[in-house]
Every structure is written in structure tokens, then in C-alpha cells.
């Protein structure tokens, strides 16, 4: 079975010290780097980079001069951290860049999402040449997808669900994700398992 890896939103603003830093984000970035190095042991070794026909990575890529369709909380109002958020991952800022630990030379496809609108799933974004992720995976004959990244309860969840909808066999590598909150992350994992995602 032809398998790809999807790295969801491992960006500076989503790791410790960022505008929406998630606890464990730095460790996720380091773990993904280890996975791609092929030097990891145990379950990671069986899903090593030599098994991946393609490595894709998504990034939030929000506009700095708009609320991005209501995704950013209005000035003077507090975000609810459910549908509205503080400004984050604004194009051209260090917060929008990939975490420094990610080996960019191992990433074959880059997807940007959330430009001017809320977008949680990597499947809502597009590559630099305007293709969506589903089209790229289909072109490469990808049948199975491993999903890792940030945040378990938001963009990882949405991306994995869309991957299932696209007809892919999906695994989530649970030691390479980090969530916003323990309760919502646990609920997301239950939802994904029910949808047919294999939690590894």
C-alpha cells in the first residue's frame, strides 16, 4: 500500500512560546524530525521515512490585515478559543514559519490554508501551484496516510477526518500529536477512531 505522511501545522505559533503555543509542541516537532531521520526505534521505525512515498506539510497562512473571516477575535474582544482566536500564523511573520526542528528538505509538498478564512483541515488548503491536497495524493497514487502534528483537537482532527472522507486508509501517530486541551483531545481521538482512523 502506497503511504504518505501528513505533518499538520507544526509552526512556531503553535509550539511553546508562540501566539497559540500548545504544550508538547516542541516535542512533537523533534519527534517528527526523528521519524523522518529513520533513526527512531519501536513503532516509529516501522513507519520510518523510507516507507513514505510522499511527505506533505500544512501551514496556517493567515492575512495580517483582516480578521480572516472571523477566525481572529475582533479588536478589543476576547477570543473564545473555539471559533475565534488571537492573531496567529500571519503571513511573513516568524510565527507562521515551520518549527526549526522540521527537516524541510524531507518535505515534498507544502500546503497553505486559512488565507482570509477559517480553515482547520489541510485538505482545505492548496499548494503553491493551486492544487488541493486530495488531488496531489491521488496523482501520486497514495492509498494510506499517516497524520501527525498540531493540534490534536482542531487541525489534526479535521485533517484526519477529511482524509477518511477522501477514501484514504488513515493512521494517527498518537505520540506525534499535541492538543489544546486534554478533554477535547481525548474526545477527538475517540471521534477519529469511530470514523475509522487507526490510532497508533
N, C-alpha and C. Protein backbone atom coordinates (compact mmCIF):
# COMPACT_ATOMS: atom_id res chain seq x y z
N UNK A 1 0.84 -1.19 0.00
CA UNK A 1 0.00 0.00 0.00
C UNK A 1 0.88 1.25 0.00
N UNK A 2 0.62 2.17 -0.91
CA UNK A 2 1.43 3.38 -1.03
C UNK A 2 1.02 4.38 0.04
N UNK A 3 1.98 4.74 0.89
CA UNK A 3 1.67 5.52 2.09
C UNK A 3 2.40 6.85 2.07
N UNK A 4 1.70 7.90 2.53
CA UNK A 4 2.28 9.23 2.68
C UNK A 4 2.21 9.65 4.15
N UNK A 5 2.98 10.67 4.47
CA UNK A 5 2.94 11.29 5.80
C UNK A 5 2.42 12.71 5.63
N UNK A 6 1.48 13.09 6.50
CA UNK A 6 0.98 14.46 6.54
C UNK A 6 1.36 15.08 7.88
N UNK A 7 2.12 16.16 7.82
CA UNK A 7 2.53 16.92 9.02
C UNK A 7 1.64 18.15 9.09
N UNK A 8 0.83 18.22 10.14
CA UNK A 8 -0.17 19.29 10.23
C UNK A 8 0.33 20.42 11.13
N UNK A 9 0.56 21.58 10.55
CA UNK A 9 0.70 22.85 11.27
C UNK A 9 1.75 22.85 12.38
N UNK A 10 2.90 22.28 12.14
CA UNK A 10 3.98 22.34 13.13
C UNK A 10 4.74 23.64 12.89
N UNK A 11 4.16 24.71 13.42
CA UNK A 11 4.62 26.08 13.19
C UNK A 11 4.99 26.73 14.51
N UNK A 12 5.79 27.78 14.42
CA UNK A 12 6.27 28.44 15.64
C UNK A 12 5.14 28.94 16.52
N UNK A 13 4.07 29.47 15.93
CA UNK A 13 2.99 30.00 16.75
C UNK A 13 2.20 28.92 17.48
N UNK A 14 2.34 27.65 17.06
CA UNK A 14 1.61 26.57 17.71
C UNK A 14 2.49 25.76 18.67
N UNK A 15 3.74 26.15 18.81
CA UNK A 15 4.62 25.47 19.75
C UNK A 15 4.94 26.42 20.90
N UNK A 16 5.58 25.90 21.92
CA UNK A 16 5.81 26.67 23.13
C UNK A 16 6.44 28.02 22.82
N UNK A 17 5.86 29.08 23.40
CA UNK A 17 6.34 30.43 23.18
C UNK A 17 5.64 31.15 22.06
N UNK A 18 4.82 30.46 21.27
CA UNK A 18 4.11 31.07 20.17
C UNK A 18 2.80 31.69 20.60
N UNK A 19 2.13 32.37 19.67
CA UNK A 19 0.88 33.06 19.97
C UNK A 19 -0.21 32.11 20.46
N UNK A 20 -0.19 30.88 19.98
CA UNK A 20 -1.13 29.85 20.42
C UNK A 20 -0.36 28.58 20.75
N UNK A 21 0.69 28.74 21.52
CA UNK A 21 1.56 27.61 21.83
C UNK A 21 0.85 26.49 22.56
N UNK A 22 1.06 25.27 22.10
CA UNK A 22 0.47 24.07 22.69
C UNK A 22 1.55 23.33 23.46
N UNK A 23 1.24 22.93 24.67
CA UNK A 23 2.19 22.16 25.47
C UNK A 23 2.53 20.87 24.73
N UNK A 24 3.81 20.60 24.59
CA UNK A 24 4.26 19.42 23.88
C UNK A 24 4.55 19.66 22.42
N UNK A 25 4.34 20.88 21.95
CA UNK A 25 4.57 21.17 20.53
C UNK A 25 6.02 20.99 20.11
N UNK A 26 6.94 21.46 20.95
CA UNK A 26 8.37 21.29 20.62
C UNK A 26 8.74 19.81 20.53
N UNK A 27 8.18 19.02 21.44
CA UNK A 27 8.48 17.58 21.44
C UNK A 27 7.92 16.91 20.20
N UNK A 28 6.75 17.36 19.76
CA UNK A 28 6.18 16.82 18.52
C UNK A 28 7.10 17.12 17.34
N UNK A 29 7.57 18.37 17.26
CA UNK A 29 8.47 18.74 16.16
C UNK A 29 9.73 17.88 16.18
N UNK A 30 10.31 17.70 17.35
CA UNK A 30 11.52 16.88 17.46
C UNK A 30 11.24 15.43 17.11
N UNK A 31 10.09 14.92 17.52
CA UNK A 31 9.73 13.54 17.22
C UNK A 31 9.51 13.30 15.74
N UNK A 32 8.91 14.28 15.06
CA UNK A 32 8.72 14.16 13.61
C UNK A 32 10.07 14.16 12.90
N UNK A 33 10.97 15.01 13.37
CA UNK A 33 12.31 15.02 12.78
C UNK A 33 12.99 13.67 12.95
N UNK A 34 12.80 13.09 14.11
CA UNK A 34 13.37 11.76 14.38
C UNK A 34 12.75 10.72 13.47
N UNK A 35 11.43 10.79 13.31
CA UNK A 35 10.74 9.86 12.42
C UNK A 35 11.30 9.96 11.00
N UNK A 36 11.47 11.17 10.52
CA UNK A 36 11.94 11.36 9.15
C UNK A 36 13.42 11.02 8.99
N UNK A 37 14.14 11.02 10.09
CA UNK A 37 15.55 10.64 10.00
C UNK A 37 15.72 9.14 9.81
N UNK A 38 14.68 8.37 10.12
CA UNK A 38 14.77 6.92 10.02
C UNK A 38 15.53 6.29 11.15
N UNK A 39 15.85 7.09 12.19
CA UNK A 39 16.65 6.58 13.29
C UNK A 39 15.81 6.24 14.51
N UNK A 40 14.48 6.47 14.43
CA UNK A 40 13.64 6.20 15.60
C UNK A 40 13.45 4.71 15.78
N UNK A 41 13.20 4.33 16.99
CA UNK A 41 13.01 2.92 17.30
C UNK A 41 11.54 2.59 17.48
N UNK A 42 11.27 1.32 17.77
CA UNK A 42 9.93 0.88 18.10
C UNK A 42 8.95 1.11 16.98
N UNK A 43 7.75 1.58 17.34
CA UNK A 43 6.68 1.73 16.37
C UNK A 43 7.04 2.78 15.32
N UNK A 44 7.85 3.77 15.69
CA UNK A 44 8.21 4.79 14.71
C UNK A 44 9.08 4.19 13.61
N UNK A 45 9.92 3.24 13.97
CA UNK A 45 10.79 2.66 12.96
C UNK A 45 9.98 1.96 11.87
N UNK A 46 8.87 1.32 12.27
CA UNK A 46 8.06 0.61 11.29
C UNK A 46 7.35 1.58 10.36
N UNK A 47 7.22 2.84 10.79
CA UNK A 47 6.61 3.86 9.93
C UNK A 47 7.66 4.86 9.51
N UNK A 48 8.89 4.40 9.35
CA UNK A 48 10.01 5.28 9.04
C UNK A 48 9.87 5.94 7.70
N UNK A 49 10.71 6.95 7.48
CA UNK A 49 10.58 7.76 6.28
C UNK A 49 10.80 6.94 5.01
N UNK A 50 11.53 5.83 5.11
CA UNK A 50 11.76 5.02 3.92
C UNK A 50 10.47 4.38 3.42
N UNK A 51 9.43 4.35 4.27
CA UNK A 51 8.16 3.78 3.87
C UNK A 51 7.25 4.80 3.19
N UNK A 52 7.58 6.06 3.24
CA UNK A 52 6.69 7.10 2.73
C UNK A 52 7.02 7.43 1.27
N UNK A 53 6.00 7.33 0.43
CA UNK A 53 6.16 7.72 -0.96
C UNK A 53 6.12 9.23 -1.11
N UNK A 54 5.57 9.92 -0.10
CA UNK A 54 5.40 11.36 -0.16
C UNK A 54 5.29 11.90 1.26
N UNK A 55 5.89 13.07 1.51
CA UNK A 55 5.74 13.76 2.78
C UNK A 55 5.15 15.13 2.48
N UNK A 56 3.99 15.42 3.06
CA UNK A 56 3.31 16.70 2.88
C UNK A 56 3.23 17.41 4.23
N UNK A 57 3.23 18.73 4.20
CA UNK A 57 3.10 19.52 5.41
C UNK A 57 2.18 20.69 5.14
N UNK A 58 1.32 20.97 6.13
CA UNK A 58 0.41 22.11 6.02
C UNK A 58 0.82 23.21 6.98
N UNK A 59 0.42 24.43 6.63
CA UNK A 59 0.63 25.60 7.49
C UNK A 59 -0.58 26.50 7.44
N UNK A 60 -0.97 27.04 8.60
CA UNK A 60 -1.87 28.18 8.59
C UNK A 60 -1.13 29.34 7.93
N UNK A 61 -1.83 30.11 7.13
CA UNK A 61 -1.19 31.19 6.38
C UNK A 61 -2.16 32.37 6.30
N UNK A 62 -2.41 32.95 7.49
CA UNK A 62 -3.46 33.95 7.63
C UNK A 62 -3.01 35.33 7.15
N UNK A 63 -3.99 36.13 6.72
CA UNK A 63 -3.73 37.50 6.33
C UNK A 63 -3.55 38.38 7.56
N UNK A 64 -2.65 39.32 7.48
CA UNK A 64 -2.38 40.19 8.62
C UNK A 64 -3.28 41.39 8.71
N UNK A 65 -3.99 41.72 7.62
CA UNK A 65 -4.79 42.93 7.60
C UNK A 65 -6.29 42.65 7.60
N UNK A 66 -6.69 41.46 8.05
CA UNK A 66 -8.12 41.13 8.14
C UNK A 66 -8.33 40.19 9.32
N UNK A 67 -9.61 39.95 9.62
CA UNK A 67 -9.92 39.00 10.70
C UNK A 67 -10.01 37.58 10.17
N UNK A 68 -9.68 37.40 8.88
CA UNK A 68 -9.68 36.08 8.25
C UNK A 68 -11.02 35.37 8.41
N UNK A 69 -12.06 36.10 8.01
CA UNK A 69 -13.41 35.53 8.03
C UNK A 69 -13.95 35.30 9.42
N UNK A 70 -13.52 36.11 10.38
CA UNK A 70 -13.97 35.94 11.76
C UNK A 70 -13.15 34.97 12.57
N UNK A 71 -12.09 34.45 11.98
CA UNK A 71 -11.22 33.50 12.68
C UNK A 71 -10.44 34.18 13.79
N UNK A 72 -9.98 35.41 13.54
CA UNK A 72 -9.31 36.20 14.58
C UNK A 72 -10.36 36.97 15.36
N UNK A 73 -10.22 36.99 16.67
CA UNK A 73 -11.14 37.75 17.51
C UNK A 73 -11.06 39.24 17.14
N UNK A 74 -12.20 39.89 17.18
CA UNK A 74 -12.24 41.32 16.85
C UNK A 74 -11.42 42.11 17.86
N UNK A 75 -10.81 43.19 17.42
CA UNK A 75 -10.02 44.02 18.35
C UNK A 75 -10.86 44.43 19.56
N UNK A 76 -10.27 44.29 20.73
CA UNK A 76 -10.95 44.66 21.96
C UNK A 76 -11.85 43.60 22.54
N UNK A 77 -11.97 42.47 21.84
CA UNK A 77 -12.79 41.36 22.36
C UNK A 77 -11.90 40.16 22.63
N UNK A 78 -12.30 39.37 23.61
CA UNK A 78 -11.52 38.20 23.97
C UNK A 78 -11.87 37.03 23.06
N UNK A 79 -10.89 36.29 22.58
CA UNK A 79 -11.20 35.09 21.78
C UNK A 79 -11.87 34.03 22.64
N UNK A 80 -12.72 33.23 22.03
CA UNK A 80 -13.35 32.15 22.80
C UNK A 80 -12.57 30.84 22.73
N UNK A 81 -11.52 30.80 21.92
CA UNK A 81 -10.65 29.62 21.78
C UNK A 81 -11.43 28.39 21.33
N UNK A 82 -12.52 28.63 20.62
CA UNK A 82 -13.29 27.57 19.99
C UNK A 82 -13.46 27.91 18.50
N UNK A 83 -14.01 29.08 18.25
CA UNK A 83 -14.15 29.54 16.86
C UNK A 83 -13.40 30.84 16.59
N UNK A 84 -13.06 31.57 17.64
CA UNK A 84 -12.26 32.79 17.47
C UNK A 84 -10.97 32.67 18.26
N UNK A 85 -9.90 33.23 17.70
CA UNK A 85 -8.56 33.03 18.23
C UNK A 85 -7.77 34.33 18.20
N UNK A 86 -6.72 34.42 19.01
CA UNK A 86 -5.80 35.56 18.84
C UNK A 86 -5.12 35.48 17.47
N UNK A 87 -4.63 36.60 17.01
CA UNK A 87 -3.89 36.59 15.74
C UNK A 87 -2.73 35.60 15.82
N UNK A 88 -2.57 34.79 14.77
CA UNK A 88 -1.51 33.78 14.75
C UNK A 88 -1.20 33.41 13.31
N UNK A 89 0.00 32.90 13.11
CA UNK A 89 0.43 32.38 11.81
C UNK A 89 0.12 33.35 10.67
N UNK A 90 0.48 34.62 10.90
CA UNK A 90 0.27 35.66 9.90
C UNK A 90 1.40 35.58 8.87
N UNK A 91 1.02 35.63 7.61
CA UNK A 91 1.98 35.54 6.51
C UNK A 91 3.15 36.49 6.73
N UNK A 92 4.36 35.97 6.51
CA UNK A 92 5.54 36.79 6.59
C UNK A 92 6.11 36.99 7.98
N UNK A 93 5.46 36.41 8.99
CA UNK A 93 5.97 36.53 10.36
C UNK A 93 6.67 35.24 10.76
N UNK A 94 7.52 35.34 11.78
CA UNK A 94 8.22 34.14 12.26
C UNK A 94 7.25 33.12 12.81
N UNK A 95 6.11 33.57 13.34
CA UNK A 95 5.13 32.64 13.88
C UNK A 95 4.53 31.72 12.85
N UNK A 96 4.50 32.16 11.59
CA UNK A 96 3.94 31.34 10.52
C UNK A 96 4.94 30.33 9.96
N UNK A 97 6.20 30.47 10.32
CA UNK A 97 7.22 29.57 9.78
C UNK A 97 7.15 28.20 10.46
N UNK A 98 7.62 27.19 9.75
CA UNK A 98 7.72 25.86 10.35
C UNK A 98 8.67 25.90 11.55
N UNK A 99 8.39 25.02 12.50
CA UNK A 99 9.30 24.87 13.63
C UNK A 99 10.69 24.51 13.12
N UNK A 100 11.69 25.06 13.76
CA UNK A 100 13.07 24.91 13.29
C UNK A 100 13.52 23.45 13.26
N UNK A 101 12.90 22.59 14.07
CA UNK A 101 13.32 21.19 14.12
C UNK A 101 12.91 20.39 12.88
N UNK A 102 11.92 20.87 12.15
CA UNK A 102 11.46 20.11 11.00
C UNK A 102 12.51 20.11 9.89
N UNK A 103 12.83 18.95 9.35
CA UNK A 103 13.78 18.89 8.23
C UNK A 103 13.06 19.22 6.93
N UNK A 104 13.14 20.47 6.52
CA UNK A 104 12.37 20.94 5.37
C UNK A 104 12.76 20.22 4.08
N UNK A 105 13.98 19.73 4.02
CA UNK A 105 14.41 19.04 2.81
C UNK A 105 13.72 17.69 2.64
N UNK A 106 13.04 17.21 3.69
CA UNK A 106 12.32 15.95 3.59
C UNK A 106 10.86 16.13 3.21
N UNK A 107 10.40 17.38 3.12
CA UNK A 107 9.01 17.68 2.79
C UNK A 107 8.87 17.88 1.29
N UNK A 108 8.00 17.08 0.68
CA UNK A 108 7.81 17.12 -0.77
C UNK A 108 6.75 18.12 -1.21
N UNK A 109 5.71 18.27 -0.39
CA UNK A 109 4.56 19.10 -0.76
C UNK A 109 4.22 20.01 0.41
N UNK A 110 4.06 21.31 0.12
CA UNK A 110 3.71 22.30 1.12
C UNK A 110 2.31 22.83 0.82
N UNK A 111 1.46 22.82 1.84
CA UNK A 111 0.07 23.27 1.70
C UNK A 111 -0.15 24.46 2.63
N UNK A 112 -0.70 25.54 2.10
CA UNK A 112 -1.06 26.71 2.90
C UNK A 112 -2.58 26.78 2.99
N UNK A 113 -3.08 27.11 4.19
CA UNK A 113 -4.53 27.15 4.39
C UNK A 113 -4.89 28.34 5.28
N UNK A 114 -6.18 28.69 5.26
CA UNK A 114 -6.66 29.75 6.12
C UNK A 114 -6.34 31.15 5.64
N UNK A 115 -6.09 31.31 4.36
CA UNK A 115 -5.79 32.64 3.84
C UNK A 115 -7.08 33.42 3.66
N UNK A 116 -7.37 34.29 4.64
CA UNK A 116 -8.58 35.10 4.58
C UNK A 116 -9.83 34.42 5.08
N UNK A 117 -9.69 33.20 5.60
CA UNK A 117 -10.87 32.46 6.06
C UNK A 117 -10.45 31.43 7.11
N UNK A 118 -11.41 30.98 7.94
CA UNK A 118 -11.09 29.87 8.85
C UNK A 118 -10.84 28.60 8.04
N UNK A 119 -9.82 27.86 8.38
CA UNK A 119 -9.56 26.58 7.71
C UNK A 119 -8.76 25.71 8.67
N UNK A 120 -9.34 24.61 9.06
CA UNK A 120 -8.68 23.72 10.01
C UNK A 120 -8.02 22.54 9.30
N UNK A 121 -8.65 22.01 8.29
CA UNK A 121 -8.12 20.83 7.62
C UNK A 121 -7.07 21.19 6.58
N UNK A 122 -6.03 20.37 6.51
CA UNK A 122 -5.04 20.53 5.45
C UNK A 122 -5.67 20.35 4.07
N UNK A 123 -6.77 19.63 4.02
CA UNK A 123 -7.46 19.40 2.75
C UNK A 123 -8.21 20.64 2.27
N UNK A 124 -8.29 21.68 3.11
CA UNK A 124 -8.91 22.94 2.71
C UNK A 124 -7.90 23.90 2.07
N UNK A 125 -6.62 23.55 2.13
CA UNK A 125 -5.58 24.44 1.62
C UNK A 125 -5.19 24.12 0.20
N UNK A 126 -4.11 24.75 -0.24
CA UNK A 126 -3.62 24.50 -1.60
C UNK A 126 -2.10 24.62 -1.63
N UNK A 127 -1.53 24.01 -2.63
CA UNK A 127 -0.10 24.08 -2.85
C UNK A 127 0.24 25.39 -3.55
N UNK A 128 1.53 25.65 -3.75
CA UNK A 128 1.95 26.90 -4.39
C UNK A 128 1.41 27.03 -5.81
N UNK A 129 1.10 25.88 -6.43
CA UNK A 129 0.57 25.95 -7.80
C UNK A 129 -0.94 25.77 -7.85
N UNK A 130 -1.59 25.90 -6.67
CA UNK A 130 -3.04 25.94 -6.64
C UNK A 130 -3.76 24.61 -6.56
N UNK A 131 -3.05 23.52 -6.39
CA UNK A 131 -3.71 22.21 -6.27
C UNK A 131 -4.08 21.95 -4.83
N UNK A 132 -5.16 21.19 -4.63
CA UNK A 132 -5.50 20.80 -3.27
C UNK A 132 -4.82 19.49 -2.90
N UNK A 133 -4.78 19.21 -1.60
CA UNK A 133 -4.03 18.06 -1.11
C UNK A 133 -4.59 16.75 -1.66
N UNK A 134 -5.91 16.65 -1.71
CA UNK A 134 -6.51 15.41 -2.21
C UNK A 134 -6.06 15.11 -3.63
N UNK A 135 -5.97 16.15 -4.46
CA UNK A 135 -5.53 15.95 -5.85
C UNK A 135 -4.08 15.50 -5.91
N UNK A 136 -3.24 16.11 -5.08
CA UNK A 136 -1.83 15.74 -5.05
C UNK A 136 -1.66 14.28 -4.64
N UNK A 137 -2.37 13.87 -3.60
CA UNK A 137 -2.26 12.49 -3.12
C UNK A 137 -2.77 11.50 -4.17
N UNK A 138 -3.86 11.87 -4.83
CA UNK A 138 -4.39 10.99 -5.87
C UNK A 138 -3.42 10.86 -7.04
N UNK A 139 -2.80 11.96 -7.43
CA UNK A 139 -1.84 11.94 -8.53
C UNK A 139 -0.66 11.02 -8.23
N UNK A 140 -0.28 10.97 -6.96
CA UNK A 140 0.86 10.13 -6.57
C UNK A 140 0.45 8.70 -6.22
N UNK A 141 -0.82 8.39 -6.36
CA UNK A 141 -1.29 7.04 -6.09
C UNK A 141 -1.28 6.68 -4.61
N UNK A 142 -1.42 7.68 -3.74
CA UNK A 142 -1.39 7.43 -2.30
C UNK A 142 -2.69 6.76 -1.88
N UNK A 143 -2.56 5.67 -1.14
CA UNK A 143 -3.72 4.93 -0.64
C UNK A 143 -3.86 5.04 0.87
N UNK A 144 -2.77 5.33 1.56
CA UNK A 144 -2.77 5.37 3.02
C UNK A 144 -2.02 6.61 3.49
N UNK A 145 -2.44 7.14 4.64
CA UNK A 145 -1.87 8.39 5.13
C UNK A 145 -1.64 8.31 6.63
N UNK A 146 -0.42 8.61 7.05
CA UNK A 146 -0.12 8.78 8.47
C UNK A 146 -0.22 10.27 8.78
N UNK A 147 -0.88 10.61 9.88
CA UNK A 147 -1.10 12.01 10.25
C UNK A 147 -0.42 12.29 11.58
N UNK A 148 0.32 13.41 11.63
CA UNK A 148 0.99 13.87 12.85
C UNK A 148 0.83 15.39 12.90
N UNK A 149 1.10 16.00 14.07
CA UNK A 149 1.13 17.46 14.12
C UNK A 149 0.32 18.08 15.23
N UNK A 150 -0.13 19.31 14.98
CA UNK A 150 -0.76 20.17 15.97
C UNK A 150 -1.99 20.83 15.34
N UNK A 151 -3.06 20.94 16.03
CA UNK A 151 -3.38 20.44 17.36
C UNK A 151 -4.36 19.28 17.21
N UNK A 152 -4.19 18.30 18.07
CA UNK A 152 -4.98 17.07 18.01
C UNK A 152 -6.47 17.37 17.88
N UNK A 153 -6.95 18.32 18.67
CA UNK A 153 -8.38 18.57 18.78
C UNK A 153 -8.92 19.56 17.75
N UNK A 154 -8.07 20.07 16.89
CA UNK A 154 -8.53 21.01 15.87
C UNK A 154 -8.04 20.60 14.48
N UNK A 155 -6.87 21.05 14.10
CA UNK A 155 -6.43 20.84 12.72
C UNK A 155 -6.04 19.40 12.42
N UNK A 156 -5.47 18.70 13.38
CA UNK A 156 -5.16 17.27 13.17
C UNK A 156 -6.46 16.50 13.01
N UNK A 157 -7.42 16.75 13.90
CA UNK A 157 -8.73 16.09 13.83
C UNK A 157 -9.38 16.33 12.47
N UNK A 158 -9.47 17.60 12.07
CA UNK A 158 -10.15 17.93 10.82
C UNK A 158 -9.45 17.31 9.61
N UNK A 159 -8.13 17.32 9.62
CA UNK A 159 -7.37 16.77 8.50
C UNK A 159 -7.55 15.26 8.40
N UNK A 160 -7.51 14.58 9.54
CA UNK A 160 -7.67 13.12 9.52
C UNK A 160 -9.07 12.72 9.08
N UNK A 161 -10.09 13.46 9.53
CA UNK A 161 -11.46 13.15 9.11
C UNK A 161 -11.62 13.36 7.60
N UNK A 162 -11.04 14.43 7.08
CA UNK A 162 -11.13 14.68 5.64
C UNK A 162 -10.36 13.63 4.84
N UNK A 163 -9.27 13.13 5.41
CA UNK A 163 -8.52 12.07 4.73
C UNK A 163 -9.35 10.80 4.61
N UNK A 164 -10.10 10.49 5.66
CA UNK A 164 -11.00 9.34 5.60
C UNK A 164 -12.06 9.56 4.53
N UNK A 165 -12.63 10.78 4.51
CA UNK A 165 -13.64 11.11 3.51
C UNK A 165 -13.10 11.01 2.08
N UNK A 166 -11.80 11.25 1.95
CA UNK A 166 -11.16 11.15 0.63
C UNK A 166 -10.87 9.71 0.22
N UNK A 167 -11.21 8.76 1.09
CA UNK A 167 -11.04 7.35 0.77
C UNK A 167 -9.70 6.76 1.14
N UNK A 168 -8.93 7.48 1.95
CA UNK A 168 -7.62 7.00 2.36
C UNK A 168 -7.72 6.15 3.62
N UNK A 169 -6.78 5.24 3.74
CA UNK A 169 -6.64 4.48 4.98
C UNK A 169 -5.73 5.30 5.90
N UNK A 170 -6.25 5.73 7.05
CA UNK A 170 -5.58 6.75 7.85
C UNK A 170 -5.12 6.19 9.19
N UNK A 171 -3.88 6.51 9.51
CA UNK A 171 -3.33 6.24 10.85
C UNK A 171 -2.95 7.57 11.49
N UNK A 172 -3.23 7.71 12.76
CA UNK A 172 -2.75 8.86 13.53
C UNK A 172 -1.69 8.35 14.49
N UNK A 173 -0.49 8.93 14.42
CA UNK A 173 0.61 8.52 15.29
C UNK A 173 0.50 9.32 16.59
N UNK A 174 -0.07 8.71 17.61
CA UNK A 174 -0.53 9.45 18.79
C UNK A 174 0.61 10.03 19.63
N UNK A 175 1.83 9.54 19.47
CA UNK A 175 2.94 10.14 20.20
C UNK A 175 3.55 11.31 19.44
N UNK A 176 2.99 11.63 18.28
CA UNK A 176 3.49 12.75 17.48
C UNK A 176 2.40 13.77 17.21
N UNK A 177 1.49 13.92 18.17
CA UNK A 177 0.48 14.98 18.14
C UNK A 177 0.43 15.65 19.50
N UNK A 178 -0.03 16.88 19.52
CA UNK A 178 -0.25 17.62 20.77
C UNK A 178 -1.53 18.42 20.62
N UNK A 179 -2.31 18.49 21.70
CA UNK A 179 -3.61 19.14 21.63
C UNK A 179 -3.71 20.38 22.49
N UNK A 180 -4.77 21.15 22.25
CA UNK A 180 -5.02 22.36 23.02
C UNK A 180 -5.41 22.03 24.45
N UNK A 181 -6.29 21.04 24.61
CA UNK A 181 -6.78 20.68 25.95
C UNK A 181 -6.92 19.16 26.05
N UNK A 182 -6.66 18.59 27.21
CA UNK A 182 -6.73 17.13 27.35
C UNK A 182 -8.11 16.56 27.03
N UNK A 183 -9.17 17.23 27.50
CA UNK A 183 -10.51 16.68 27.31
C UNK A 183 -10.91 16.68 25.84
N UNK A 184 -10.70 17.80 25.17
CA UNK A 184 -11.09 17.86 23.76
C UNK A 184 -10.18 17.00 22.89
N UNK A 185 -8.94 16.83 23.30
CA UNK A 185 -8.03 15.96 22.54
C UNK A 185 -8.47 14.51 22.66
N UNK A 186 -8.84 14.10 23.88
CA UNK A 186 -9.32 12.73 24.07
C UNK A 186 -10.60 12.49 23.28
N UNK A 187 -11.49 13.49 23.27
CA UNK A 187 -12.73 13.36 22.50
C UNK A 187 -12.43 13.25 21.02
N UNK A 188 -11.44 14.02 20.54
CA UNK A 188 -11.07 13.96 19.13
C UNK A 188 -10.54 12.57 18.76
N UNK A 189 -9.72 12.00 19.61
CA UNK A 189 -9.20 10.66 19.33
C UNK A 189 -10.31 9.62 19.28
N UNK A 190 -11.29 9.75 20.17
CA UNK A 190 -12.43 8.82 20.14
C UNK A 190 -13.22 9.00 18.84
N UNK A 191 -13.45 10.23 18.45
CA UNK A 191 -14.19 10.50 17.21
C UNK A 191 -13.44 9.94 16.01
N UNK A 192 -12.14 10.13 15.98
CA UNK A 192 -11.36 9.63 14.86
C UNK A 192 -11.39 8.11 14.79
N UNK A 193 -11.27 7.46 15.93
CA UNK A 193 -11.31 6.00 15.96
C UNK A 193 -12.66 5.50 15.44
N UNK A 194 -13.74 6.16 15.85
CA UNK A 194 -15.06 5.79 15.39
C UNK A 194 -15.21 5.97 13.88
N UNK A 195 -14.52 6.99 13.34
CA UNK A 195 -14.58 7.27 11.91
C UNK A 195 -13.71 6.32 11.09
N UNK A 196 -12.93 5.48 11.77
CA UNK A 196 -12.12 4.50 11.05
C UNK A 196 -10.64 4.79 11.04
N UNK A 197 -10.22 5.84 11.75
CA UNK A 197 -8.79 6.16 11.84
C UNK A 197 -8.13 5.19 12.82
N UNK A 198 -7.02 4.61 12.42
CA UNK A 198 -6.25 3.74 13.32
C UNK A 198 -5.37 4.61 14.20
N UNK A 199 -5.53 4.52 15.51
CA UNK A 199 -4.73 5.29 16.45
C UNK A 199 -3.53 4.44 16.86
N UNK A 200 -2.35 4.86 16.44
CA UNK A 200 -1.13 4.08 16.70
C UNK A 200 -0.35 4.70 17.86
